[in-house]
Amino acid sequence: MAPRPKVAPEYEEFVFGGKRKAHFAWADIRPVLSAKRLQDKVFHRAAQITIPDPDRFYQRKKTALARVDSVADTASDTLMAYVEAFPDFPGLHPFYAELVATMVDVDVARKDLARLQGTAAKVQEVCRKGGRQMQRTGKMDFLEAKRREVYGRVGSIIEDVAGPLRRLEKARRALAKLPTLEPEAPTLIIAGVPNVGKSALATRICSAKPQVAPYPFTTQGIILGHGRMGGRTVQVVDTPGILDRPAENRNAIEQRALAAVRHLGDIVLFLFDPTPGASQPEEAQERLLGEVRALFGKKLVVEAENKVDLVRGEGPRIKISAETGEGVAPLMKHLESLMPDRSGRPAWVGEEEE
């Protein structure tokens, strides 16, 4: 696809509901209009334009030309705003690239966006050519006939992309379910079986109440918050429905959504529940830990036992209580020492691994 031209600010308002935010959020994209609604928008805006002139013919001529210009600008800028609204798929962070591929046929979406871009150029060319012919005429009948011809051609050109517009709106609705994270930010992922205390710990260590963000193929989404470590803001991600059950219990698409998580996180904190009332026995928790380690590869996985206010297990794992706060401060200090430094190099990587 060719480089995308800059979208006029007034069309950012139309598509995004205001000036586009510096930090892209999937859910901020407004719906993609159908071909019929886009036609209505284009021609309604043009119909509002009247250019005054004492001479009746020149008033009609100036108005007709201004309306053709409006049709060109509204149609092409709106189409290009939709092209801009979608991400540059090849340039996506691997986390988002893997997730998007589970939800949208990326090849089809890219072709549809290219169609919109070509359509915007075609509309501009039709309106320019018609405008030049209208500019040269001194006949009222020819002027009006040419304006109607331009409107008819633009309407047909927009109708030709009814399919791409419809598919892109469907893709937009799917992509709106993606969480808006900062994949490059220092990130702590909290994993463990259901009811191990992940959300309670996230709430305790985050500076504000964590928010639920949507995540594909889960009913609960993910819990996203931010905490402070070593004077830096760290993204904290809790993963209900994602890193809390074995791989054999997932279908292929769910496993791909799960796999995307491996591109996040500088450190994974895996919580164990040693209490008799744990949702999974110790053996199942150990198996899940093994799967998490395999998923994240060389990334560091820190183990901790939660609920020490109820049961204090044996062994070398860090002991905490997310409920009472016992042991949380030392745990955070330990995690802070392992987080990547400002150059992005993990503090826990040894000389031999560089």
Protein backbone atom coordinates (compact mmCIF):
# COMPACT_ATOMS: atom_id res chain seq x y z
CA MET A 1 0.00 0.00 0.00
CA ALA A 2 1.22 3.50 -0.82
CA PRO A 3 2.12 5.99 1.94
CA ARG A 4 -0.97 7.40 3.60
CA PRO A 5 -1.59 11.13 3.19
CA LYS A 6 -2.30 13.28 6.21
CA VAL A 7 -5.97 13.40 7.20
CA ALA A 8 -7.48 16.84 7.65
CA PRO A 9 -8.23 17.65 11.33
CA GLU A 10 -11.95 18.09 10.69
CA TYR A 11 -12.14 14.52 9.45
CA GLU A 12 -10.26 13.24 12.48
CA GLU A 13 -13.15 14.83 14.39
CA PHE A 14 -15.62 12.96 12.21
CA VAL A 15 -13.96 9.55 12.43
CA PHE A 16 -12.39 9.59 15.90
CA GLY A 17 -14.81 11.94 17.70
CA GLY A 18 -12.05 14.51 18.26
CA LYS A 19 -8.35 15.00 17.65
CA ARG A 20 -6.73 11.60 17.49
CA LYS A 21 -5.06 10.65 20.75
CA ALA A 22 -1.30 10.25 20.86
CA HIS A 23 -1.72 6.79 22.44
CA PHE A 24 -3.68 4.59 20.07
CA ALA A 25 -6.70 2.86 21.62
CA TRP A 26 -8.51 0.24 19.59
CA ALA A 27 -11.91 1.08 21.01
CA ASP A 28 -11.56 4.79 20.11
CA ILE A 29 -12.22 4.16 16.41
CA ARG A 30 -15.71 5.22 15.43
CA PRO A 31 -17.87 2.90 13.30
CA VAL A 32 -17.08 2.68 9.58
CA LEU A 33 -20.08 3.99 7.66
CA SER A 34 -21.90 1.84 5.16
CA ALA A 35 -21.73 2.93 1.51
CA LYS A 36 -25.27 4.32 1.73
CA ARG A 37 -24.57 6.34 4.86
CA LEU A 38 -21.31 7.62 3.42
CA GLN A 39 -23.12 8.75 0.27
CA ASP A 40 -25.73 10.52 2.41
CA LYS A 41 -23.01 12.25 4.42
CA VAL A 42 -21.06 13.36 1.35
CA PHE A 43 -24.01 14.79 -0.60
CA HIS A 44 -25.77 16.27 2.43
CA ARG A 45 -22.67 18.30 3.33
CA ALA A 46 -22.35 19.50 -0.25
CA ALA A 47 -26.00 20.55 -0.36
CA GLN A 48 -25.47 22.95 2.56
CA ILE A 49 -23.03 25.08 0.54
CA THR A 50 -24.10 28.30 -1.18
CA ILE A 51 -21.62 30.87 -2.55
CA PRO A 52 -23.17 34.36 -2.88
CA ASP A 53 -22.63 36.48 -6.00
CA PRO A 54 -24.65 39.40 -7.38
CA ASP A 55 -24.78 37.70 -10.77
CA ARG A 56 -27.24 34.79 -10.73
CA PHE A 57 -25.25 32.64 -13.18
CA TYR A 58 -21.96 33.11 -11.32
CA GLN A 59 -23.65 32.35 -8.00
CA ARG A 60 -24.88 29.06 -9.47
CA LYS A 61 -21.49 28.35 -11.01
CA LYS A 62 -19.48 29.14 -7.85
CA THR A 63 -21.92 27.12 -5.75
CA ALA A 64 -21.77 24.13 -8.10
CA LEU A 65 -17.97 24.18 -8.12
CA ALA A 66 -17.80 24.52 -4.33
CA ARG A 67 -20.18 21.59 -3.93
CA VAL A 68 -18.11 19.39 -6.21
CA ASP A 69 -15.02 20.34 -4.17
CA SER A 70 -16.90 19.45 -0.99
CA VAL A 71 -17.90 16.06 -2.40
CA ALA A 72 -14.26 15.36 -3.29
CA ASP A 73 -12.92 16.41 0.09
CA THR A 74 -15.59 14.80 2.28
CA ALA A 75 -15.52 11.48 0.46
CA SER A 76 -11.75 11.15 0.05
CA ASP A 77 -10.83 12.50 3.48
CA THR A 78 -13.36 10.26 5.20
CA LEU A 79 -12.17 7.18 3.32
CA MET A 80 -8.55 8.04 4.12
CA ALA A 81 -9.46 8.63 7.75
CA TYR A 82 -10.72 5.04 7.85
CA VAL A 83 -7.45 3.87 6.31
CA GLU A 84 -5.57 5.82 9.00
CA ALA A 85 -7.85 4.48 11.74
CA PHE A 86 -6.69 0.92 11.24
CA PRO A 87 -3.22 -0.05 12.41
CA ASP A 88 -0.27 -0.63 10.14
CA PHE A 89 -0.63 -4.42 10.35
CA PRO A 90 2.96 -5.34 9.33
CA GLY A 91 4.30 -2.89 11.92
CA LEU A 92 2.29 -4.21 14.88
CA HIS A 93 4.05 -5.30 18.04
CA PRO A 94 4.20 -9.16 18.08
CA PHE A 95 1.69 -9.24 20.95
CA TYR A 96 -0.92 -7.43 18.89
CA ALA A 97 0.08 -9.11 15.61
CA GLU A 98 -0.63 -12.53 17.07
CA LEU A 99 -3.91 -11.44 18.66
CA VAL A 100 -5.17 -9.61 15.58
CA ALA A 101 -4.53 -12.70 13.45
CA THR A 102 -6.94 -14.68 15.65
CA MET A 103 -9.75 -12.20 15.03
CA VAL A 104 -9.36 -10.69 11.56
CA ASP A 105 -8.28 -11.94 8.15
CA VAL A 106 -5.36 -9.52 7.92
CA ASP A 107 -4.74 -10.08 4.20
CA VAL A 108 -8.36 -9.27 3.36
CA ALA A 109 -8.34 -6.23 5.65
CA ARG A 110 -5.18 -4.88 4.01
CA LYS A 111 -6.70 -5.35 0.54
CA ASP A 112 -9.88 -3.60 1.67
CA LEU A 113 -7.89 -0.67 3.06
CA ALA A 114 -5.98 -0.45 -0.22
CA ARG A 115 -9.33 -0.37 -2.02
CA LEU A 116 -10.46 2.56 0.11
CA GLN A 117 -7.22 4.38 -0.57
CA GLY A 118 -7.63 3.83 -4.32
CA THR A 119 -11.26 4.92 -4.11
CA ALA A 120 -10.30 8.17 -2.39
CA ALA A 121 -7.88 8.94 -5.24
CA LYS A 122 -10.51 8.03 -7.85
CA VAL A 123 -13.09 10.36 -6.28
CA GLN A 124 -10.59 13.21 -6.28
CA GLU A 125 -9.75 12.61 -9.95
CA VAL A 126 -13.42 12.48 -11.05
CA CYS A 127 -14.19 15.69 -9.17
CA ARG A 128 -11.09 17.47 -10.49
CA LYS A 129 -11.88 16.54 -14.08
CA GLY A 130 -15.53 17.53 -13.73
CA GLY A 131 -14.58 20.75 -11.99
CA ARG A 132 -12.23 21.75 -14.80
CA GLN A 133 -14.98 21.24 -17.38
CA MET A 134 -17.46 23.17 -15.24
CA GLN A 135 -14.96 25.99 -14.78
CA ARG A 136 -14.69 26.53 -18.55
CA THR A 137 -18.42 26.60 -19.37
CA GLY A 138 -20.68 29.59 -19.70
CA LYS A 139 -23.84 27.50 -20.07
CA MET A 140 -26.16 26.88 -17.15
CA ASP A 141 -27.52 23.62 -18.56
CA PHE A 142 -24.04 22.15 -19.09
CA LEU A 143 -22.99 23.26 -15.59
CA GLU A 144 -25.87 21.48 -13.87
CA ALA A 145 -25.62 18.41 -16.09
CA LYS A 146 -21.91 18.06 -15.35
CA ARG A 147 -22.47 18.50 -11.59
CA ARG A 148 -25.12 15.76 -11.65
CA GLU A 149 -22.76 13.55 -13.66
CA VAL A 150 -19.99 14.02 -11.09
CA TYR A 151 -22.41 13.22 -8.25
CA GLY A 152 -23.57 10.09 -10.06
CA ARG A 153 -20.04 8.86 -10.68
CA VAL A 154 -18.96 9.53 -7.09
CA GLY A 155 -22.06 7.72 -5.80
CA SER A 156 -21.22 4.70 -7.97
CA ILE A 157 -17.57 4.73 -6.91
CA ILE A 158 -18.61 4.69 -3.23
CA GLU A 159 -21.12 1.90 -3.91
CA ASP A 160 -18.30 -0.16 -5.43
CA VAL A 161 -16.59 -0.31 -2.00
CA ALA A 162 -19.73 -1.31 -0.09
CA GLY A 163 -18.18 -4.73 0.57
CA PRO A 164 -14.84 -3.44 1.88
CA LEU A 165 -16.64 -0.87 4.08
CA ARG A 166 -18.88 -3.60 5.51
CA ARG A 167 -15.97 -5.96 6.17
CA LEU A 168 -13.86 -3.23 7.76
CA GLU A 169 -16.70 -2.30 10.11
CA LYS A 170 -16.93 -5.96 11.12
CA ALA A 171 -13.15 -6.00 11.66
CA ARG A 172 -13.37 -2.76 13.67
CA ARG A 173 -15.94 -4.31 16.00
CA ALA A 174 -13.67 -7.31 16.52
CA LEU A 175 -10.56 -5.19 17.12
CA ALA A 176 -12.44 -3.02 19.63
CA LYS A 177 -12.30 -6.06 21.93
CA LEU A 178 -8.51 -5.85 22.12
CA PRO A 179 -6.98 -4.48 25.30
CA THR A 180 -5.06 -1.24 25.00
CA LEU A 181 -1.71 -2.04 26.57
CA GLU A 182 1.75 -0.61 26.15
CA PRO A 183 3.71 -3.64 24.93
CA GLU A 184 7.05 -1.85 25.20
CA ALA A 185 6.48 -0.69 28.80
CA PRO A 186 8.05 -2.59 31.73
CA THR A 187 5.43 -5.24 32.51
CA LEU A 188 4.74 -7.66 35.34
CA ILE A 189 2.36 -10.52 34.51
CA ILE A 190 0.62 -12.31 37.37
CA ALA A 191 -0.34 -15.93 36.69
CA GLY A 192 -1.74 -18.84 38.65
CA VAL A 193 -4.82 -21.04 38.99
CA PRO A 194 -8.27 -19.49 39.59
CA ASN A 195 -8.85 -17.97 43.05
CA VAL A 196 -5.15 -17.97 43.90
CA GLY A 197 -5.32 -14.23 44.71
CA LYS A 198 -4.02 -12.65 41.52
CA SER A 199 -6.58 -9.84 41.46
CA ALA A 200 -6.14 -9.13 45.16
CA LEU A 201 -2.38 -8.78 44.69
CA ALA A 202 -2.80 -6.60 41.60
CA THR A 203 -5.13 -4.32 43.53
CA ARG A 204 -2.67 -4.08 46.41
CA ILE A 205 0.41 -3.24 44.34
CA CYS A 206 -1.21 -0.85 41.83
CA SER A 207 -1.35 2.87 42.52
CA ALA A 208 -4.99 3.05 41.39
CA LYS A 209 -7.73 0.45 41.13
CA PRO A 210 -6.88 -1.83 38.20
CA GLN A 211 -9.32 -1.78 35.28
CA VAL A 212 -10.81 -4.71 33.42
CA ALA A 213 -9.68 -4.67 29.78
CA PRO A 214 -11.26 -6.91 27.13
CA TYR A 215 -9.30 -9.87 25.84
CA PRO A 216 -10.33 -12.16 22.98
CA PHE A 217 -11.81 -15.58 23.75
CA THR A 218 -12.13 -14.96 27.49
CA THR A 219 -15.26 -14.04 29.38
CA GLN A 220 -13.42 -12.11 32.09
CA GLY A 221 -10.90 -10.05 30.12
CA ILE A 222 -7.62 -9.11 31.77
CA ILE A 223 -6.98 -6.88 34.74
CA LEU A 224 -4.69 -3.99 33.87
CA GLY A 225 -3.12 -1.62 36.37
CA HIS A 226 0.05 0.37 37.02
CA GLY A 227 2.40 0.35 39.97
CA ARG A 228 5.68 2.03 40.87
CA MET A 229 8.97 0.15 40.93
CA GLY A 230 12.26 1.93 41.38
CA GLY A 231 10.77 5.29 40.48
CA ARG A 232 9.27 3.92 37.25
CA THR A 233 5.71 3.10 36.28
CA VAL A 234 5.30 -0.61 35.63
CA GLN A 235 2.34 -2.17 33.85
CA VAL A 236 0.71 -4.92 35.93
CA VAL A 237 -1.35 -7.52 34.07
CA ASP A 238 -3.53 -10.09 35.80
CA THR A 239 -4.70 -12.91 33.56
CA PRO A 240 -8.01 -14.55 34.55
CA GLY A 241 -9.09 -17.06 31.92
CA ILE A 242 -5.71 -16.93 30.15
CA LEU A 243 -2.88 -18.30 32.29
CA ASP A 244 -4.99 -20.25 34.74
CA ARG A 245 -5.75 -23.59 33.05
CA PRO A 246 -3.86 -26.27 31.13
CA ALA A 247 -3.33 -26.12 27.38
CA GLU A 248 -5.32 -29.29 26.70
CA ASN A 249 -8.46 -27.49 27.87
CA ARG A 250 -8.17 -24.86 25.09
CA ASN A 251 -9.11 -24.90 21.43
CA ALA A 252 -6.65 -23.80 18.71
CA ILE A 253 -7.81 -20.18 18.59
CA GLU A 254 -7.71 -19.85 22.39
CA GLN A 255 -4.20 -21.25 22.40
CA ARG A 256 -3.15 -18.63 19.84
CA ALA A 257 -4.65 -15.86 21.98
CA LEU A 258 -2.78 -17.34 24.91
CA ALA A 259 0.44 -17.48 22.90
CA ALA A 260 0.24 -13.72 22.29
CA VAL A 261 0.80 -13.14 26.01
CA ARG A 262 4.34 -14.48 25.71
CA HIS A 263 5.29 -11.28 23.89
CA LEU A 264 4.37 -9.26 26.97
CA GLY A 265 6.01 -9.18 30.32
CA ASP A 266 9.52 -8.69 31.54
CA ILE A 267 8.76 -10.88 34.55
CA VAL A 268 6.01 -13.41 35.26
CA LEU A 269 4.95 -13.77 38.88
CA PHE A 270 3.39 -17.20 39.36
CA LEU A 271 1.29 -17.50 42.51
CA PHE A 272 0.68 -20.77 44.34
CA ASP A 273 -2.22 -21.50 46.68
CA PRO A 274 -1.02 -23.95 49.37
CA THR A 275 -4.32 -24.01 51.27
CA PRO A 276 -6.51 -27.14 51.47
CA GLY A 277 -9.33 -25.21 49.77
CA ALA A 278 -7.26 -24.33 46.66
CA SER A 279 -9.17 -24.56 43.38
CA GLN A 280 -6.48 -26.93 42.02
CA PRO A 281 -4.27 -29.44 43.85
CA GLU A 282 -0.55 -28.76 44.11
CA GLU A 283 0.26 -31.19 41.28
CA ALA A 284 -2.03 -29.30 38.87
CA GLN A 285 -0.51 -25.98 39.93
CA GLU A 286 2.98 -27.37 39.28
CA ARG A 287 1.91 -28.57 35.81
CA LEU A 288 0.49 -25.15 35.00
CA LEU A 289 3.74 -23.55 36.17
CA GLY A 290 5.62 -25.81 33.75
CA GLU A 291 3.37 -24.69 30.88
CA VAL A 292 3.86 -21.03 31.80
CA ARG A 293 7.63 -21.49 31.87
CA ALA A 294 7.51 -23.18 28.46
CA LEU A 295 5.30 -20.41 27.05
CA PHE A 296 7.55 -17.56 28.19
CA GLY A 297 10.80 -19.28 27.28
CA LYS A 298 13.82 -17.37 28.59
CA LYS A 299 11.76 -14.77 30.44
CA LEU A 300 12.06 -14.88 34.19
CA VAL A 301 9.29 -16.60 36.16
CA VAL A 302 9.24 -15.79 39.88
CA GLU A 303 7.33 -18.15 42.17
CA ALA A 304 5.48 -17.03 45.31
CA GLU A 305 3.03 -18.64 47.73
CA ASN A 306 -0.02 -16.58 48.60
CA LYS A 307 -2.43 -16.84 51.54
CA VAL A 308 0.25 -17.25 54.21
CA ASP A 309 -2.30 -15.71 56.60
CA LEU A 310 -4.10 -19.07 56.29
CA VAL A 311 -1.32 -21.61 55.63
CA ARG A 312 2.43 -21.13 55.65
CA GLY A 313 3.92 -23.83 53.44
CA GLU A 314 7.42 -25.22 53.50
CA GLY A 315 10.01 -24.65 50.81
CA PRO A 316 12.00 -21.76 49.38
CA ARG A 317 9.20 -19.88 47.59
CA ILE A 318 8.54 -16.29 48.60
CA LYS A 319 5.66 -16.16 51.08
CA ILE A 320 3.01 -13.42 50.89
CA SER A 321 -0.56 -12.60 51.78
CA ALA A 322 -2.30 -10.40 49.22
CA GLU A 323 -5.16 -10.14 51.72
CA THR A 324 -3.19 -8.73 54.66
CA GLY A 325 -0.16 -7.35 52.82
CA GLU A 326 2.31 -9.57 54.64
CA GLY A 327 5.47 -10.11 52.57
CA VAL A 328 4.24 -7.95 49.67
CA ALA A 329 6.73 -5.12 50.19
CA PRO A 330 9.78 -7.46 50.17
CA LEU A 331 8.35 -9.21 47.10
CA MET A 332 8.00 -5.89 45.28
CA LYS A 333 11.55 -4.93 46.24
CA HIS A 334 12.77 -8.23 44.82
CA LEU A 335 10.80 -7.77 41.59
CA GLU A 336 12.08 -4.21 41.27
CA SER A 337 15.66 -5.50 41.37
CA LEU A 338 14.86 -7.86 38.48
CA MET A 339 13.03 -5.43 36.20
CA PRO A 340 14.87 -4.21 33.08
CA ASP A 341 16.96 -1.11 33.50
CA ARG A 342 16.17 1.99 31.44
CA SER A 343 18.18 0.60 28.51
CA GLY A 344 15.76 -2.32 28.35
CA ARG A 345 18.31 -4.89 29.57
CA PRO A 346 16.75 -7.24 32.16
CA ALA A 347 18.62 -6.96 35.45
CA TRP A 348 18.50 -10.73 35.88
CA VAL A 349 20.32 -11.56 32.61
CA GLY A 350 23.79 -12.87 33.28
CA GLU A 351 26.94 -11.92 31.37
CA GLU A 352 26.93 -15.25 29.54
CA GLU A 353 23.43 -14.63 28.14
CA GLU A 354 24.26 -11.30 26.48
